[in-house]
């Protein structure tokens, strides 16, 4: 006995829905997994909190320098690490709109005369006895003001695009020429974080 036409259509629709749900589940599982150690940087914490009328960003990372980078640093070449955060608002009808963008840059250099490590952030300088202490200082930040909380509209959807990396564009010119996209100098991590208004 042949199947009724509405039964065939129902079966086809059911298979399409099952395939769509399987694809959606695969995408969700991929996005939910935190990235592993990405190019020498492990992001330990990344959170946005509200304090004193502002949305503030806090992050901490663990940095393991590749051998080539460590060698250059030991020879007195200063390294620059950059953290960037961009707050985006979702729009269904067009590209998402950028609401706020902040960045911070640290300079790390070895001081051979004193055997210490110097970290500079803006006009502030701090010396450390070991490379591990200096790397810990350049790979974390707290109370970093992102945006005034009143600028976030209720009912809208926001997300944060965060990246932390070694900025090889600030290396001395001859070193940049010799890099040629070498993976040893690609040190960084990126993450996306949902922000509730």
Protein backbone atom coordinates (compact mmCIF):
# COMPACT_ATOMS: atom_id res chain seq x y z
CA UNK A 1 0.00 0.00 0.00
CA UNK A 2 1.58 3.37 -1.03
CA UNK A 3 2.34 5.95 1.67
CA UNK A 4 0.04 8.91 1.96
CA UNK A 5 1.52 12.16 0.55
CA UNK A 6 1.26 14.03 3.85
CA UNK A 7 3.19 11.22 5.61
CA UNK A 8 6.11 11.57 3.13
CA UNK A 9 6.18 15.34 3.61
CA UNK A 10 6.15 14.94 7.38
CA UNK A 11 9.03 12.45 7.26
CA UNK A 12 11.11 14.74 5.02
CA UNK A 13 10.44 17.73 7.27
CA UNK A 14 11.36 15.65 10.32
CA UNK A 15 14.69 14.63 8.72
CA UNK A 16 15.47 18.26 7.83
CA UNK A 17 14.74 19.38 11.38
CA UNK A 18 16.95 16.61 12.78
CA UNK A 19 19.83 17.60 10.48
CA UNK A 20 19.44 21.27 11.39
CA UNK A 21 19.43 20.48 15.11
CA UNK A 22 22.51 18.27 14.75
CA UNK A 23 24.36 21.06 12.93
CA UNK A 24 23.29 23.61 15.56
CA UNK A 25 24.44 21.30 18.36
CA UNK A 26 27.83 20.85 16.68
CA UNK A 27 28.28 24.63 16.39
CA UNK A 28 27.25 25.19 20.03
CA UNK A 29 29.66 22.54 21.29
CA UNK A 30 32.50 24.05 19.27
CA UNK A 31 31.82 27.55 20.63
CA UNK A 32 31.37 26.36 24.22
CA UNK A 33 34.79 24.77 24.47
CA UNK A 34 37.38 27.15 25.91
CA UNK A 35 40.44 27.43 23.70
CA UNK A 36 43.47 25.52 24.90
CA UNK A 37 46.92 27.01 25.13
CA UNK A 38 46.75 29.19 22.02
CA UNK A 39 50.18 30.08 20.66
CA UNK A 40 51.94 30.25 24.02
CA UNK A 41 49.16 32.04 25.93
CA UNK A 42 46.55 30.46 28.20
CA UNK A 43 43.71 32.77 29.20
CA UNK A 44 43.03 32.04 32.88
CA UNK A 45 40.26 34.58 33.54
CA UNK A 46 38.25 37.03 31.49
CA UNK A 47 35.28 38.76 33.04
CA UNK A 48 33.33 41.98 32.85
CA UNK A 49 31.91 43.42 36.08
CA UNK A 50 29.95 46.53 37.05
CA UNK A 51 31.47 48.91 39.56
CA UNK A 52 30.88 52.61 40.25
CA UNK A 53 28.69 53.06 37.17
CA UNK A 54 31.17 51.46 34.76
CA UNK A 55 31.56 48.10 33.11
CA UNK A 56 35.10 47.03 33.96
CA UNK A 57 37.21 44.36 32.39
CA UNK A 58 39.51 41.99 34.22
CA UNK A 59 41.78 39.38 32.67
CA UNK A 60 44.70 37.17 33.58
CA UNK A 61 46.79 35.01 31.27
CA UNK A 62 49.73 32.65 31.52
CA UNK A 63 52.45 33.29 28.93
CA UNK A 64 55.06 30.78 27.81
CA UNK A 65 57.52 32.36 25.41
CA UNK A 66 58.83 30.29 22.50
CA UNK A 67 62.59 29.74 22.48
CA UNK A 68 63.30 32.31 19.75
CA UNK A 69 61.35 35.00 21.61
CA UNK A 70 63.02 34.15 24.93
CA UNK A 71 66.48 34.29 23.30
CA UNK A 72 65.79 37.72 21.82
CA UNK A 73 64.51 38.98 25.17
CA UNK A 74 67.61 37.68 27.00
CA UNK A 75 69.78 39.58 24.48
CA UNK A 76 68.12 42.89 25.34
CA UNK A 77 65.41 43.15 22.67
CA UNK A 78 62.31 44.75 24.25
CA UNK A 79 58.98 43.01 23.73
CA UNK A 80 55.56 44.63 23.55
CA UNK A 81 52.36 42.90 24.64
CA UNK A 82 48.98 44.33 23.66
CA UNK A 83 45.52 43.64 25.09
CA UNK A 84 42.53 44.88 23.10
CA UNK A 85 38.84 44.73 23.92
CA UNK A 86 36.00 45.73 21.60
CA UNK A 87 32.40 45.89 22.83
CA UNK A 88 29.91 45.08 20.06
CA UNK A 89 26.12 45.34 19.90
CA UNK A 90 24.25 42.72 17.86
CA UNK A 91 22.12 43.93 14.96
CA UNK A 92 19.98 41.48 13.03
CA UNK A 93 19.58 43.75 10.01
CA UNK A 94 23.19 44.79 9.40
CA UNK A 95 26.72 44.29 10.63
CA UNK A 96 27.14 44.50 14.41
CA UNK A 97 28.02 47.97 15.67
CA UNK A 98 31.10 48.79 17.76
CA UNK A 99 30.11 50.49 21.01
CA UNK A 100 33.49 50.83 22.74
CA UNK A 101 37.11 49.89 22.16
CA UNK A 102 40.04 49.96 24.58
CA UNK A 103 43.62 48.78 24.37
CA UNK A 104 46.61 48.57 26.64
CA UNK A 105 50.28 48.02 25.80
CA UNK A 106 53.10 46.77 28.03
CA UNK A 107 56.82 46.95 27.29
CA UNK A 108 59.04 44.21 28.73
CA UNK A 109 62.84 44.51 28.63
CA UNK A 110 65.85 42.90 30.30
CA UNK A 111 68.25 45.26 32.12
CA UNK A 112 71.69 43.56 31.86
CA UNK A 113 73.47 45.94 34.24
CA UNK A 114 71.14 45.19 37.13
CA UNK A 115 70.02 41.71 35.99
CA UNK A 116 66.40 42.79 36.43
CA UNK A 117 63.33 42.89 34.20
CA UNK A 118 61.60 46.20 33.52
CA UNK A 119 57.89 46.48 32.73
CA UNK A 120 56.47 49.76 31.39
CA UNK A 121 52.78 50.62 31.11
CA UNK A 122 52.21 54.13 29.86
CA UNK A 123 54.48 56.32 31.97
CA UNK A 124 54.73 53.82 34.82
CA UNK A 125 57.79 51.57 35.21
CA UNK A 126 58.36 48.65 37.56
CA UNK A 127 61.39 46.37 37.97
CA UNK A 128 61.15 42.65 38.74
CA UNK A 129 63.79 40.18 39.89
CA UNK A 130 62.70 37.33 37.60
CA UNK A 131 61.21 36.87 34.14
CA UNK A 132 58.26 34.93 35.57
CA UNK A 133 57.29 37.88 37.79
CA UNK A 134 57.62 40.29 34.87
CA UNK A 135 55.51 38.08 32.58
CA UNK A 136 52.84 37.86 35.28
CA UNK A 137 52.75 41.68 35.40
CA UNK A 138 52.33 42.10 31.64
CA UNK A 139 49.65 39.43 31.34
CA UNK A 140 46.94 40.66 33.71
CA UNK A 141 44.81 43.71 34.33
CA UNK A 142 41.98 44.56 36.71
CA UNK A 143 39.58 47.49 37.00
CA UNK A 144 40.05 48.35 33.33
CA UNK A 145 37.14 50.67 32.44
CA UNK A 146 35.35 49.56 29.28
CA UNK A 147 32.22 51.73 29.12
CA UNK A 148 29.76 53.64 31.33
CA UNK A 149 27.01 51.21 32.35
CA UNK A 150 24.28 53.72 31.44
CA UNK A 151 25.31 53.52 27.77
CA UNK A 152 24.20 49.88 27.58
CA UNK A 153 20.58 49.70 26.45
CA UNK A 154 18.23 47.23 28.11
CA UNK A 155 16.89 44.60 25.75
CA UNK A 156 19.94 44.77 23.46
CA UNK A 157 22.51 42.01 23.06
CA UNK A 158 26.22 42.79 23.56
CA UNK A 159 29.42 40.81 23.29
CA UNK A 160 33.08 41.51 23.87
CA UNK A 161 35.88 40.59 21.46
CA UNK A 162 39.09 40.28 23.48
CA UNK A 163 42.63 39.61 22.29
CA UNK A 164 46.02 39.49 23.99
CA UNK A 165 49.18 39.12 21.91
CA UNK A 166 52.84 39.80 21.44
CA UNK A 167 53.03 42.81 19.11
CA UNK A 168 55.77 41.91 16.65
CA UNK A 169 55.15 45.15 14.69
CA UNK A 170 57.01 47.03 17.46
CA UNK A 171 60.16 44.93 17.19
CA UNK A 172 63.27 46.57 15.70
CA UNK A 173 63.05 46.86 11.90
CA UNK A 174 65.71 44.25 10.99
CA UNK A 175 63.99 41.68 13.22
CA UNK A 176 60.62 42.32 11.58
CA UNK A 177 62.17 41.76 8.17
CA UNK A 178 63.56 38.40 9.21
CA UNK A 179 60.33 37.10 10.79
CA UNK A 180 58.53 36.25 7.56
CA UNK A 181 55.42 35.07 9.41
CA UNK A 182 57.39 32.70 11.66
CA UNK A 183 55.12 30.90 14.10
CA UNK A 184 57.64 31.35 16.94
CA UNK A 185 56.73 35.04 17.03
CA UNK A 186 52.99 34.49 16.87
CA UNK A 187 52.10 34.53 20.56
CA UNK A 188 48.53 35.38 21.52
CA UNK A 189 44.98 34.36 22.34
CA UNK A 190 41.51 35.66 21.46
CA UNK A 191 38.16 35.11 23.13
CA UNK A 192 34.56 36.32 22.81
CA UNK A 193 32.49 37.06 25.93
CA UNK A 194 28.77 37.80 26.21
CA UNK A 195 27.92 40.98 28.14
CA UNK A 196 24.56 41.46 29.89
CA UNK A 197 23.27 45.06 29.87
